[in-house]
Every structure is written in structure tokens, then in C-alpha cells.
Amino acid sequence: MELKTLETWLWDAACAIRGPVDAPKFKDYILPLVFLKRLSDVFDDEIDELRQRLGPGALFLAERDHKSVRFFIPEPARWETIRKRRKDLGQHLTDAVRAVARENPRLQGVIDMVDFNATAAGQRIVPDDNLAQLIEVLSRQRLGLLDVEPDILGRAYEYLLRKFAEGQGQSAGEFYTPREVAILMARLLEPQPGMAVYDPTCGSGGLIIKCHLRLLETHGTIQNGRRILPNQFKQLRLFGQEINPATYAMACMNAVIHDLDAAIRIGDTMRQPAFRDDAGRLQTFDLVVANPMWNQNFPTEVYENDTYERFGLGIPPASSADWGWLQHMNASLKEDGRMAVVLDTGAVSRGSGNQSSNRERDIRKAFVERDLIEAVILLPENLFYNTTAPGIILVINKAKVHKGEILLINASQQFAKGRPKNYLADEHIERIADVYHGWRAEEGLSAIIAVEEAARNDYNLSPSRYVASNNKEEILPLEEAMVLLAEAEEERAAADRELEAVLAQLGLGSWRHGRE
């Protein structure tokens, strides 16, 4: 299916339920049905294959031995049955997805998350007539093994988010990484067969799946129209944790469509990491790839009371968890592990140049002094769905080849203009990856600095500080200004508490009374 065909198809699907459902919620109804249709079409394909080999008893065999197919789809959940249904369609769909989950334990809590018969204020949220229109639209496209590439669900999610839910990202507890940024991150890490890849904030699973797709590009072969990994190469072992139940379900669906046996867990990674060894220590991985929510708020007690030895390089401020996430991921890396993480630009500059102590700058200093930071890539503005601010990709490498050096790439001008969002074209991805792997300083694009130079600049690692780009003046994004303000308030409150303690020891009472 071509991208334009996909977008037109999804637009028509959204129009079928427009009115009863708010635009940001379109994906919550459309994507599970796309997933169900994919399962049903693949089931039909597999029954046809069995029929060619075994004759007319293929369906009877599958009903008796569910292991003969990827996922067994009971008759009420098969697409042609659903399409013929007219009465009580919402209840039938709800029963159908629950039946699929019962027959396939791996899909429990994944496909059965939506109640298509749900009501609000005594009325159906999506009436049967609208559901019937949606079913008819989705029936226009076949989603079998040879009909579409496995990345259809990720592309559908991206389109629906971009088209109808823009600006809802963080406020809805979601953070979707644009497809081309995910591809760039996979290009930077270049996963090899058998590696363990982990995303502690995996969202819909796009980042770890892009690592899988990159491995197929570099080591795969084409067989029966599909790219597969030859038997001599081991698949990646994929691990992810996600806190939002609906997004967790999306990640599981994404893995299933790609025929991946990924270990996806639901839960709060910062407070309760899901992947631990037999001794209760953090499990470690070859690669970590992530896009955590930028400047997330966690009480400092979360770090101070940590039992997994993650925050030995410093306690982050409550106003921004960026360096908390980086320390968790660093603790989750093997001794020769690497990671690529998307953060806001302030993560590599906040606190530098301050006369007083700054928690983020001090943690950044510790990372630099331990020679963990390999590269920082400044991305263009207006790439991400929930902000126009640029981001950065921070690359950590525990086994750096170029020891004592940091590569800084100012890719702020490497983009194509889009509506409503900018994007990285293939040539931009290729150029950035080529500079990184070639470890080159290129005028107007990249610079290589020694860690001593980073120290002289008070550990400010913003690429724009070292690589000029068309003499464009830097403007502080509003989100960044708010974080700086919150940090200043946090530091002021801490200073107030220290002063109160000193005055109490001297028996001078509270200094606040003189101000009131």
C-alpha cells in the first residue's frame, strides 16, 4: 500500500466516526480494528496455505490445533463475519476482540482494550451506524502477508496523530517519535544480530521496531516478497516498558504485526523497572534507544530512595528528569553498551555558566569526566508532534573508540519543509549518519571537541555553541524558559530551607517574619 493510499484510507475511516468521537480519540477506535483486520487477513492467508498443502480440512485442523497458525481467529471475529453483522454491532465487536484475546493469551490486555459498546451520559459513544461505516471503509484494503508491509500500524498511528491529535502528545501521556527520527537513531546505533535492545519509555514501540527493521536492511534477504533475516543471523531481542495502558497495547500490537516476540511490560520504569535479573538488579542490554517525556517531574525522593543504584552521578532536580532517565539508561547498559536518547535541547546546556551549583550541570560534568558522551546531535525545529521546539539526540558509548573526544552535529538546517511539521528527508538522515560514523568535523555541520574543551565551557554541550549555522540567533524556547524558572525556584526554596536551619541553630528564629 502506498503512503498516499494509506492516508486517504485512514482519512475516510476517521470521517466515518467524526462527530461521535473527538479527533484525538479517532486512533483509539480505528487502530484496534486495523489490527483485528490484519490478524483476520493473515489468518485467512495461512488457512489458504494449509489448504494447498493439506486439502479442504485445513480450517478444521486449525480449529483443533491453534499452533498451526500464528494467531487463531474464532469465527465471530473473522472480518467477513464482522462485515455482515448489522444488529448490535458494538457489542459484537467487543465480544469478538475478547474472544480473540481468550484464544490467544499473548493478546490479552492488547486487542481487548476498547469497549465498542461503551456509553456516556446514557448514550452510545459510537453508534452502530458509524461503526458499520467504519467497517466498510476498512474493508476496502486487504492487510494480508503480501498486501502491506508490517510497518502499517506504526505509519497509521503516525498519520492519525499528526492529522488529528497534534498538540495532544504530552498532555495525553503519549510521546510519539517521528518516523524519520527513529530511523536516524537506528542508523546511529546500527544494531547487530542477537543484540538485546531496550526502551524504558517505549510508547508505541516504534524505536525498538526501527532497530529491527534496520537489522533487516543490513542483514536480511527478500523471500516471497518479504524481507526476512536468514537463519545464520539471530533476531534482535527487544524489551520495552510503557506506563500508559493504551499505548502499551499499541506497542504490543506493533510487535505482533512485525512477527516479533518482544518483551513489552506495563508500568512506571522510574519507580519500578520491570526488567531485573534473578538477584533483583537491573537487567543490562547491548543497546538502549528512547525518547522519554521531556522535563518530566519526579519528586527528588524517587531518586534518593532508589534501590537499584541508578543515581550515583547525582540527584536531578524535581523540575526535570532528563538526567534521571539518562542515569537509569546508563545503568541498564552492558559494559560495552551504547544508547541514543532524544531529549530537549536544555538537557545539554542548562546550568552551564552559573556561578552557583547546578544539579543538571554537575551530572553532565560527571558523564563527561567518565568519557561516556560520544555525540550530541541538534535536530531541526518543528519535527515533533507536541512541540515546535528542537530536540537533541544524545549518544552514550561505554566503549568509545575516540576516547577523550565528543562529536557535536548541528543538524538544525537538515530538514525538508512540511505541513504542518518539518521532516528529515532520506538525504538528511544519510548525511547525519555518515558524519557520525565517519567521525568528521565538517564546517557548518559538525565539530569534534576534547573533553577539556567541554570543561572550559562549563560542560555546555549544545552543538550550536561549537558549530555556527547561518549566524542564526538562538531563541530560548518557551518550554525551556519554564524549566529554567522552575529550577531557579527549586534552588531558591532549598536555599531558604538551609537558611532557616542555620538561623534555628543560632536561636534567631525565622528570617521570614521580617519579610511579611
Protein backbone atom coordinates (compact mmCIF):
# COMPACT_ATOMS: atom_id res chain seq x y z
CA MET A 1 0.00 0.00 0.00
CA GLU A 2 1.45 3.37 -0.97
CA LEU A 3 1.61 6.08 1.68
CA LYS A 4 -0.94 8.27 -0.11
CA THR A 5 -3.36 5.34 -0.32
CA LEU A 6 -2.89 4.68 3.40
CA GLU A 7 -3.56 8.29 4.31
CA THR A 8 -6.69 8.52 2.15
CA TRP A 9 -7.97 5.26 3.63
CA LEU A 10 -7.40 6.44 7.20
CA TRP A 11 -8.95 9.85 6.47
CA ASP A 12 -12.11 8.14 5.23
CA ALA A 13 -12.07 5.90 8.31
CA ALA A 14 -11.86 8.95 10.57
CA CYS A 15 -14.72 10.61 8.72
CA ALA A 16 -16.89 7.55 9.43
CA ILE A 17 -16.77 8.24 13.18
CA ARG A 18 -16.36 12.02 13.07
CA GLY A 19 -18.97 13.68 15.24
CA PRO A 20 -19.49 10.98 17.86
CA VAL A 21 -15.75 10.86 18.64
CA ASP A 22 -13.37 13.75 19.30
CA ALA A 23 -10.49 13.92 16.81
CA PRO A 24 -7.69 12.93 19.26
CA LYS A 25 -9.65 9.74 20.05
CA PHE A 26 -10.01 8.58 16.43
CA LYS A 27 -6.93 6.38 16.73
CA ASP A 28 -8.32 4.62 19.82
CA TYR A 29 -11.12 3.12 17.72
CA ILE A 30 -9.50 2.85 14.30
CA LEU A 31 -6.19 1.20 15.19
CA PRO A 32 -7.59 -1.79 17.12
CA LEU A 33 -9.85 -2.54 14.15
CA VAL A 34 -6.93 -2.19 11.72
CA PHE A 35 -5.07 -4.64 13.96
CA LEU A 36 -8.04 -7.05 14.03
CA LYS A 37 -8.36 -6.87 10.25
CA ARG A 38 -4.64 -7.60 9.87
CA LEU A 39 -4.97 -10.65 12.16
CA SER A 40 -8.04 -11.86 10.28
CA ASP A 41 -6.49 -11.38 6.83
CA VAL A 42 -3.27 -13.14 7.88
CA PHE A 43 -5.35 -15.97 9.36
CA ASP A 44 -7.15 -16.34 6.02
CA ASP A 45 -3.79 -16.38 4.21
CA GLU A 46 -2.47 -19.11 6.48
CA ILE A 47 -5.61 -21.21 6.07
CA ASP A 48 -5.19 -20.91 2.28
CA GLU A 49 -1.57 -22.07 2.58
CA LEU A 50 -2.62 -25.01 4.74
CA ARG A 51 -5.40 -25.85 2.28
CA GLN A 52 -2.91 -26.02 -0.60
CA ARG A 53 -0.81 -28.50 1.37
CA LEU A 54 -3.46 -30.48 3.26
CA GLY A 55 -6.67 -30.09 1.29
CA PRO A 56 -10.15 -28.97 2.37
CA GLY A 57 -9.68 -29.92 6.04
CA ALA A 58 -7.28 -27.05 6.74
CA LEU A 59 -9.75 -24.91 8.70
CA PHE A 60 -10.85 -27.92 10.78
CA LEU A 61 -7.19 -28.60 11.58
CA ALA A 62 -6.60 -25.01 12.69
CA GLU A 63 -9.68 -25.11 14.91
CA ARG A 64 -8.34 -28.24 16.62
CA ASP A 65 -4.67 -27.23 16.68
CA HIS A 66 -4.23 -23.49 17.16
CA LYS A 67 -0.46 -23.83 16.86
CA SER A 68 -0.84 -24.44 13.14
CA VAL A 69 -1.40 -20.67 12.67
CA ARG A 70 0.20 -17.56 14.13
CA PHE A 71 -3.00 -16.49 15.90
CA PHE A 72 -6.26 -18.39 15.88
CA ILE A 73 -9.20 -16.13 14.99
CA PRO A 74 -12.57 -17.53 16.12
CA GLU A 75 -15.39 -17.36 13.60
CA PRO A 76 -17.26 -14.35 15.16
CA ALA A 77 -14.05 -12.27 14.95
CA ARG A 78 -13.24 -13.05 11.32
CA TRP A 79 -13.59 -9.96 9.19
CA GLU A 80 -16.20 -11.28 6.77
CA THR A 81 -18.41 -12.24 9.72
CA ILE A 82 -18.00 -8.78 11.24
CA ARG A 83 -18.72 -7.11 7.92
CA LYS A 84 -22.03 -8.96 7.55
CA ARG A 85 -23.16 -8.03 11.06
CA ARG A 86 -25.85 -5.35 11.25
CA LYS A 87 -27.57 -5.73 14.62
CA ASP A 88 -25.78 -4.93 17.92
CA LEU A 89 -22.53 -4.31 16.07
CA GLY A 90 -20.82 -2.55 19.00
CA GLN A 91 -21.46 -5.45 21.35
CA HIS A 92 -20.44 -7.95 18.67
CA LEU A 93 -17.10 -6.16 18.10
CA THR A 94 -16.42 -6.05 21.84
CA ASP A 95 -17.23 -9.75 22.18
CA ALA A 96 -15.12 -10.52 19.10
CA VAL A 97 -11.91 -8.87 20.36
CA ARG A 98 -12.39 -10.50 23.76
CA ALA A 99 -12.79 -13.88 22.06
CA VAL A 100 -9.53 -13.32 20.17
CA ALA A 101 -7.81 -12.47 23.47
CA ARG A 102 -9.18 -15.64 25.11
CA GLU A 103 -7.94 -17.85 22.28
CA ASN A 104 -4.57 -16.09 22.14
CA PRO A 105 -3.25 -15.29 25.65
CA ARG A 106 -0.47 -13.16 24.19
CA LEU A 107 -3.14 -10.69 23.04
CA GLN A 108 -4.86 -10.34 26.41
CA GLY A 109 -4.81 -6.72 27.54
CA VAL A 110 -3.80 -5.74 23.99
CA ILE A 111 -6.61 -6.23 21.49
CA ASP A 112 -9.42 -6.18 24.07
CA MET A 113 -8.72 -2.70 25.48
CA VAL A 114 -11.61 -0.93 23.71
CA ASP A 115 -15.29 -1.31 24.51
CA PHE A 116 -17.03 -0.58 21.21
CA ASN A 117 -20.38 -0.64 23.01
CA ALA A 118 -19.39 1.97 25.64
CA THR A 119 -21.83 4.69 26.64
CA ALA A 120 -21.51 8.20 28.06
CA ALA A 121 -24.39 10.07 29.69
CA GLY A 122 -26.65 7.17 28.77
CA GLN A 123 -25.86 7.25 25.05
CA ARG A 124 -23.56 5.15 22.88
CA ILE A 125 -20.24 6.90 22.21
CA VAL A 126 -20.02 5.39 18.72
CA PRO A 127 -23.43 4.28 17.38
CA ASP A 128 -23.71 1.08 15.35
CA ASP A 129 -24.35 3.06 12.14
CA ASN A 130 -20.97 4.81 12.49
CA LEU A 131 -19.23 1.55 13.34
CA ALA A 132 -20.76 -0.06 10.26
CA GLN A 133 -19.45 2.81 8.10
CA LEU A 134 -16.02 2.39 9.68
CA ILE A 135 -16.03 -1.36 8.98
CA GLU A 136 -16.93 -0.72 5.34
CA VAL A 137 -14.12 1.78 4.90
CA LEU A 138 -11.57 -0.56 6.47
CA SER A 139 -12.81 -3.38 4.24
CA ARG A 140 -11.52 -1.53 1.16
CA GLN A 141 -7.93 -2.61 1.83
CA ARG A 142 -6.61 -6.11 2.36
CA LEU A 143 -3.92 -6.39 5.06
CA GLY A 144 -2.57 -9.88 4.48
CA LEU A 145 1.05 -11.04 4.47
CA LEU A 146 1.72 -9.97 0.88
CA ASP A 147 -0.60 -6.96 0.80
CA VAL A 148 1.15 -4.46 3.10
CA GLU A 149 4.47 -4.01 4.82
CA PRO A 150 4.44 -4.82 8.55
CA ASP A 151 5.09 -1.17 9.45
CA ILE A 152 1.49 -0.32 8.54
CA LEU A 153 0.36 0.10 12.15
CA GLY A 154 3.19 2.47 13.02
CA ARG A 155 2.54 4.52 9.91
CA ALA A 156 -1.20 4.57 10.60
CA TYR A 157 -0.58 5.70 14.18
CA GLU A 158 1.77 8.43 13.00
CA TYR A 159 -0.73 9.68 10.42
CA LEU A 160 -3.64 9.77 12.85
CA LEU A 161 -1.54 11.51 15.49
CA ARG A 162 -0.19 14.05 13.02
CA LYS A 163 -3.54 14.71 11.39
CA PHE A 164 -5.94 14.68 14.31
CA ALA A 165 -4.09 14.67 17.63
CA GLU A 166 -1.32 17.20 17.11
CA GLY A 167 -0.71 19.09 20.33
CA GLN A 168 -2.24 16.28 22.41
CA GLY A 169 1.07 14.40 22.84
CA GLN A 170 2.40 15.03 26.31
CA SER A 171 -0.91 16.11 27.82
CA ALA A 172 -2.38 12.77 26.76
CA GLY A 173 0.55 10.86 28.25
CA GLU A 174 1.88 9.97 24.82
CA PHE A 175 5.08 10.91 23.11
CA TYR A 176 5.46 9.65 19.58
CA THR A 177 8.86 9.91 17.92
CA PRO A 178 8.60 10.95 14.25
CA ARG A 179 9.40 8.03 11.99
CA GLU A 180 12.45 9.60 10.38
CA VAL A 181 13.98 10.49 13.78
CA ALA A 182 13.52 6.86 14.83
CA ILE A 183 15.20 5.72 11.59
CA LEU A 184 18.12 8.08 12.25
CA MET A 185 18.55 6.69 15.77
CA ALA A 186 18.64 3.14 14.42
CA ARG A 187 21.21 4.27 11.82
CA LEU A 188 23.38 5.73 14.59
CA LEU A 189 23.28 2.53 16.67
CA GLU A 190 23.47 0.04 13.76
CA PRO A 191 22.17 -2.99 15.70
CA GLN A 192 23.85 -6.33 15.03
CA PRO A 193 22.30 -9.83 15.07
CA GLY A 194 21.47 -11.21 18.50
CA MET A 195 21.74 -7.90 20.35
CA ALA A 196 19.39 -7.02 23.23
CA VAL A 197 17.69 -3.65 22.64
CA TYR A 198 15.78 -1.82 25.39
CA ASP A 199 13.47 1.19 25.55
CA PRO A 200 12.38 2.13 29.10
CA THR A 201 9.72 4.56 27.80
CA CYS A 202 8.71 2.63 24.72
CA GLY A 203 5.42 4.31 23.80
CA SER A 204 4.03 2.51 20.76
CA GLY A 205 7.27 0.56 20.34
CA GLY A 206 8.47 2.44 17.27
CA LEU A 207 12.09 2.90 18.35
CA ILE A 208 12.88 -0.74 19.10
CA ILE A 209 10.99 -1.86 15.99
CA LYS A 210 13.01 0.56 13.83
CA CYS A 211 16.13 -1.18 15.20
CA HIS A 212 14.65 -4.49 13.99
CA LEU A 213 13.87 -3.01 10.57
CA ARG A 214 17.42 -1.62 10.31
CA LEU A 215 18.82 -5.10 11.03
CA LEU A 216 16.64 -6.48 8.22
CA GLU A 217 18.02 -3.80 5.88
CA THR A 218 21.64 -4.62 6.68
CA HIS A 219 21.44 -8.42 7.07
CA GLY A 220 18.11 -9.51 5.53
CA THR A 221 17.16 -11.09 2.24
CA ILE A 222 13.99 -10.96 0.14
CA GLN A 223 11.89 -14.13 0.18
CA ASN A 224 8.37 -14.38 -1.29
CA GLY A 225 8.16 -10.61 -1.44
CA ARG A 226 9.09 -10.13 2.22
CA ARG A 227 12.39 -9.17 3.81
CA ILE A 228 13.46 -11.79 6.33
CA LEU A 229 16.55 -12.49 8.41
CA PRO A 230 18.45 -15.60 7.22
CA ASN A 231 18.79 -18.45 9.71
CA GLN A 232 22.51 -17.82 10.27
CA PHE A 233 21.66 -14.49 11.94
CA LYS A 234 19.90 -14.19 15.28
CA GLN A 235 16.97 -11.82 15.67
CA LEU A 236 17.27 -8.85 17.99
CA ARG A 237 15.92 -9.39 21.48
CA LEU A 238 13.57 -6.47 22.11
CA PHE A 239 12.50 -5.13 25.51
CA GLY A 240 10.25 -2.20 26.36
CA GLN A 241 8.32 -0.72 29.26
CA GLU A 242 5.43 1.73 28.98
CA ILE A 243 3.33 3.36 31.70
CA ASN A 244 0.18 4.20 29.68
CA PRO A 245 -2.10 1.13 29.21
CA ALA A 246 -3.49 2.20 25.81
CA THR A 247 -0.02 3.00 24.46
CA TYR A 248 1.33 -0.26 25.91
CA ALA A 249 -1.36 -2.09 23.93
CA MET A 250 -0.24 -0.24 20.78
CA ALA A 251 3.36 -1.38 21.36
CA CYS A 252 2.22 -4.99 21.70
CA MET A 253 0.12 -4.72 18.51
CA ASN A 254 3.09 -3.22 16.69
CA ALA A 255 5.33 -6.10 17.74
CA VAL A 256 2.74 -8.70 16.71
CA ILE A 257 2.27 -7.18 13.24
CA HIS A 258 6.05 -7.36 12.74
CA ASP A 259 6.09 -11.02 13.88
CA LEU A 260 8.33 -10.08 16.82
CA ASP A 261 8.38 -11.81 20.16
CA ALA A 262 9.18 -8.59 22.02
CA ALA A 263 9.04 -8.42 25.81
CA ILE A 264 6.80 -5.42 26.47
CA ARG A 265 5.87 -4.66 30.08
CA ILE A 266 3.45 -2.15 31.55
CA GLY A 267 4.47 0.00 34.50
CA ASP A 268 6.39 3.01 35.82
CA THR A 269 10.04 2.45 34.86
CA MET A 270 11.43 5.17 37.10
CA ARG A 271 9.74 3.85 40.24
CA GLN A 272 9.54 0.15 39.37
CA PRO A 273 11.73 -1.02 36.47
CA ALA A 274 10.31 -4.25 35.05
CA PHE A 275 13.48 -5.89 33.75
CA ARG A 276 15.62 -7.28 36.56
CA ASP A 277 17.89 -10.29 36.97
CA ASP A 278 17.45 -13.13 39.46
CA ALA A 279 19.25 -11.12 42.13
CA GLY A 280 16.88 -8.16 41.69
CA ARG A 281 19.47 -5.97 39.94
CA LEU A 282 18.74 -4.11 36.74
CA GLN A 283 18.96 -6.23 33.61
CA THR A 284 21.53 -4.83 31.17
CA PHE A 285 21.34 -4.53 27.38
CA ASP A 286 23.59 -4.03 24.36
CA LEU A 287 21.63 -1.01 23.11
CA VAL A 288 19.21 1.45 24.64
CA VAL A 289 17.04 3.70 22.48
CA ALA A 290 14.49 6.07 23.99
CA ASN A 291 12.53 9.29 23.81
CA PRO A 292 11.36 9.94 27.38
CA MET A 293 8.90 12.72 28.12
CA TRP A 294 10.98 15.89 28.19
CA ASN A 295 11.47 17.67 31.53
CA GLN A 296 9.27 15.22 33.39
CA ASN A 297 8.61 15.96 37.05
CA PHE A 298 9.59 13.43 39.69
CA PRO A 299 9.96 14.23 43.40
CA THR A 300 13.62 14.03 44.44
CA GLU A 301 12.59 11.27 46.89
CA VAL A 302 12.19 8.95 43.88
CA TYR A 303 15.92 9.27 43.23
CA GLU A 304 17.03 9.43 46.86
CA ASN A 305 15.10 6.27 47.83
CA ASP A 306 16.15 4.29 44.75
CA THR A 307 17.16 0.69 45.48
CA TYR A 308 18.72 -0.09 42.08
CA GLU A 309 21.91 2.00 42.40
CA ARG A 310 20.98 4.13 39.40
CA PHE A 311 21.68 7.69 40.52
CA GLY A 312 25.24 7.61 41.75
CA LEU A 313 26.26 10.50 39.48
CA GLY A 314 23.84 12.94 41.10
CA ILE A 315 20.24 13.65 42.07
CA PRO A 316 18.40 15.51 39.27
CA PRO A 317 16.15 18.48 40.08
CA ALA A 318 12.46 17.76 40.58
CA SER A 319 11.69 20.06 37.63
CA SER A 320 13.41 17.89 35.00
CA ALA A 321 14.02 14.13 34.92
CA ASP A 322 16.22 14.23 31.81
CA TRP A 323 19.41 13.27 33.66
CA GLY A 324 17.46 10.89 35.83
CA TRP A 325 16.40 8.99 32.72
CA LEU A 326 19.94 9.10 31.36
CA GLN A 327 21.30 7.60 34.57
CA HIS A 328 18.66 4.84 34.52
CA MET A 329 19.56 4.02 30.91
CA ASN A 330 23.28 4.18 31.60
CA ALA A 331 22.78 1.71 34.48
CA SER A 332 20.85 -0.51 32.05
CA LEU A 333 23.74 -0.76 29.58
CA LYS A 334 26.25 -3.56 29.40
CA GLU A 335 29.93 -2.71 29.89
CA ASP A 336 30.33 -2.10 26.15
CA GLY A 337 26.79 -0.86 25.59
CA ARG A 338 25.58 2.14 23.58
CA MET A 339 22.47 4.27 23.61
CA ALA A 340 20.77 7.03 21.62
CA VAL A 341 18.25 9.18 23.51
CA VAL A 342 16.06 12.08 22.36
CA LEU A 343 15.85 14.96 24.86
CA ASP A 344 15.09 18.65 24.83
CA THR A 345 17.99 20.98 23.98
CA GLY A 346 18.33 22.26 27.53
CA ALA A 347 19.47 18.86 28.76
CA VAL A 348 22.96 19.55 27.39
CA SER A 349 23.24 23.22 28.40
CA ARG A 350 21.17 24.02 31.49
CA GLY A 351 23.23 25.24 34.44
CA SER A 352 26.41 25.90 32.47
CA GLY A 353 27.84 29.34 33.25
CA ASN A 354 26.04 29.60 36.59
CA GLN A 355 28.23 30.71 39.46
CA SER A 356 26.31 28.52 41.91
CA SER A 357 25.99 24.75 41.88
CA ASN A 358 23.51 23.26 39.42
CA ARG A 359 22.36 19.66 39.62
CA GLU A 360 21.99 19.03 35.89
CA ARG A 361 25.34 20.64 35.05
CA ASP A 362 27.03 18.62 37.79
CA ILE A 363 25.60 15.31 36.50
CA ARG A 364 26.55 16.28 32.94
CA LYS A 365 30.08 17.00 34.20
CA ALA A 366 30.24 13.53 35.75
CA PHE A 367 29.22 11.92 32.44
CA VAL A 368 31.86 13.94 30.55
CA GLU A 369 34.60 13.19 33.07
CA ARG A 370 33.85 9.48 32.77
CA ASP A 371 34.10 9.84 28.98
CA LEU A 372 30.62 8.39 28.40
CA ILE A 373 29.22 11.01 26.00
CA GLU A 374 30.13 10.23 22.41
CA ALA A 375 27.97 12.63 20.39
CA VAL A 376 25.25 15.27 20.59
CA ILE A 377 23.07 15.95 17.54
CA LEU A 378 20.91 19.08 17.41
CA LEU A 379 17.72 18.39 15.43
CA PRO A 380 15.68 20.92 13.43
CA GLU A 381 12.73 22.81 14.85
CA ASN A 382 9.12 21.69 14.40
CA LEU A 383 9.74 17.95 13.96
CA PHE A 384 7.85 16.68 16.98
CA TYR A 385 4.08 16.42 17.30
CA ASN A 386 3.61 18.09 20.67
CA THR A 387 6.09 20.96 20.39
CA THR A 388 7.75 23.19 17.82
CA ALA A 389 10.97 23.22 19.86
CA PRO A 390 14.00 21.36 18.51
CA GLY A 391 15.37 18.34 20.31
CA ILE A 392 18.73 16.68 20.58
CA ILE A 393 19.92 13.09 20.24
CA LEU A 394 22.48 12.25 22.91
CA VAL A 395 24.68 9.23 22.15
CA ILE A 396 26.34 7.42 25.07
CA ASN A 397 29.02 4.82 24.38
CA LYS A 398 30.67 2.88 27.20
CA ALA A 399 33.36 1.63 24.81
CA LYS A 400 34.25 4.77 22.84
CA VAL A 401 36.75 4.39 20.00
CA HIS A 402 37.60 8.10 20.02
CA LYS A 403 38.38 8.43 23.70
CA GLY A 404 38.50 11.90 25.18
CA GLU A 405 36.52 13.38 22.26
CA ILE A 406 32.90 14.40 21.69
CA LEU A 407 31.29 14.84 18.27
CA LEU A 408 28.80 17.71 18.03
CA ILE A 409 26.50 17.84 15.00
CA ASN A 410 24.37 20.91 14.34
CA ALA A 411 21.69 19.44 12.07
CA SER A 412 19.25 22.30 12.67
CA GLN A 413 19.19 23.11 8.93
CA GLN A 414 18.98 19.49 7.75
CA PHE A 415 15.24 19.26 7.09
CA ALA A 416 12.54 19.50 4.46
CA LYS A 417 9.62 21.85 4.95
CA GLY A 418 6.36 20.07 5.57
CA ARG A 419 2.79 20.88 6.52
CA PRO A 420 2.16 21.08 9.39
CA LYS A 421 5.51 19.59 10.51
CA ASN A 422 9.03 19.63 9.13
CA TYR A 423 10.72 16.28 8.49
CA LEU A 424 14.09 14.69 7.83
CA ALA A 425 14.36 13.50 4.24
CA ASP A 426 16.43 10.44 3.37
CA GLU A 427 19.40 12.58 2.34
CA HIS A 428 19.40 14.36 5.70
CA ILE A 429 19.38 11.07 7.60
CA GLU A 430 22.18 9.76 5.38
CA ARG A 431 24.32 12.86 5.85
CA ILE A 432 23.98 12.94 9.65
CA ALA A 433 24.68 9.21 9.98
CA ASP A 434 27.64 9.48 7.61
CA VAL A 435 29.25 12.29 9.65
CA TYR A 436 28.69 10.36 12.87
CA HIS A 437 30.13 7.07 11.63
CA GLY A 438 32.92 8.85 9.77
CA TRP A 439 33.71 10.90 12.90
CA ARG A 440 34.27 14.08 10.90
CA ALA A 441 34.36 17.77 11.61
CA GLU A 442 32.57 19.50 8.73
CA GLU A 443 32.26 23.27 8.50
CA GLY A 444 28.76 24.45 9.29
CA LEU A 445 27.65 20.96 10.33
CA SER A 446 29.91 19.30 12.91
CA ALA A 447 32.81 19.77 15.29
CA ILE A 448 34.95 17.44 17.38
CA ILE A 449 35.96 18.74 20.80
CA ALA A 450 38.16 17.31 23.53
CA VAL A 451 36.62 16.78 26.95
CA GLU A 452 38.97 19.51 28.18
CA GLU A 453 37.23 21.99 25.89
CA ALA A 454 33.87 20.87 27.25
CA ALA A 455 35.23 21.56 30.75
CA ARG A 456 36.41 25.06 29.72
CA ASN A 457 32.85 25.76 28.54
CA ASP A 458 31.46 24.58 31.88
CA TYR A 459 30.13 21.38 30.28
CA ASN A 460 27.81 23.10 27.85
CA LEU A 461 27.44 20.54 25.05
CA SER A 462 24.97 22.40 22.87
CA PRO A 463 26.12 21.85 19.24
CA SER A 464 25.11 25.41 18.29
CA ARG A 465 27.78 26.70 20.68
CA TYR A 466 30.52 24.99 18.68
CA VAL A 467 29.05 24.89 15.16
CA ALA A 468 27.61 28.09 13.69
CA SER A 469 24.60 27.72 11.43
CA ASN A 470 23.90 30.68 9.13
CA ASN A 471 24.58 33.07 12.02
CA LYS A 472 21.06 32.38 13.23
CA GLU A 473 20.43 33.84 16.65
CA GLU A 474 19.37 31.30 19.25
CA ILE A 475 16.00 31.97 20.85
CA LEU A 476 15.14 30.26 24.11
CA PRO A 477 12.01 28.10 23.61
CA LEU A 478 9.14 28.80 25.98
CA GLU A 479 9.26 25.24 27.36
CA GLU A 480 12.97 25.71 28.15
CA ALA A 481 12.36 29.04 29.87
CA MET A 482 9.69 27.41 32.06
CA VAL A 483 12.11 24.65 33.11
CA LEU A 484 14.80 27.20 33.97
CA LEU A 485 12.29 29.15 36.02
CA ALA A 486 11.21 26.01 37.87
CA GLU A 487 14.83 25.10 38.57
CA ALA A 488 15.54 28.59 39.93
CA GLU A 489 12.50 28.36 42.19
CA GLU A 490 13.63 24.92 43.38
CA GLU A 491 17.12 26.24 44.17
CA ARG A 492 15.65 29.27 45.99
CA ALA A 493 13.43 27.03 48.12
CA ALA A 494 16.42 24.84 49.02
CA ALA A 495 18.47 27.92 50.00
CA ASP A 496 15.56 29.14 52.14
CA ARG A 497 15.47 25.82 54.00
CA GLU A 498 19.21 25.91 54.63
CA LEU A 499 18.99 29.47 55.95
CA GLU A 500 16.09 28.54 58.22
CA ALA A 501 18.16 25.69 59.67
CA VAL A 502 21.17 27.96 60.32
CA LEU A 503 19.01 30.63 61.99
CA ALA A 504 17.33 27.99 64.14
CA GLN A 505 20.76 26.76 65.32
CA LEU A 506 21.71 30.34 66.25
CA GLY A 507 18.43 30.83 68.07
CA LEU A 508 17.44 33.75 65.86
CA GLY A 509 14.05 32.42 64.81
CA SER A 510 12.69 32.60 61.26
CA TRP A 511 14.00 35.16 58.81
CA ARG A 512 10.63 35.10 57.04
CA HIS A 513 8.91 37.16 59.78
CA GLY A 514 10.92 40.20 58.81
CA ARG A 515 9.67 39.91 55.22
CA GLU A 516 5.98 39.55 55.99
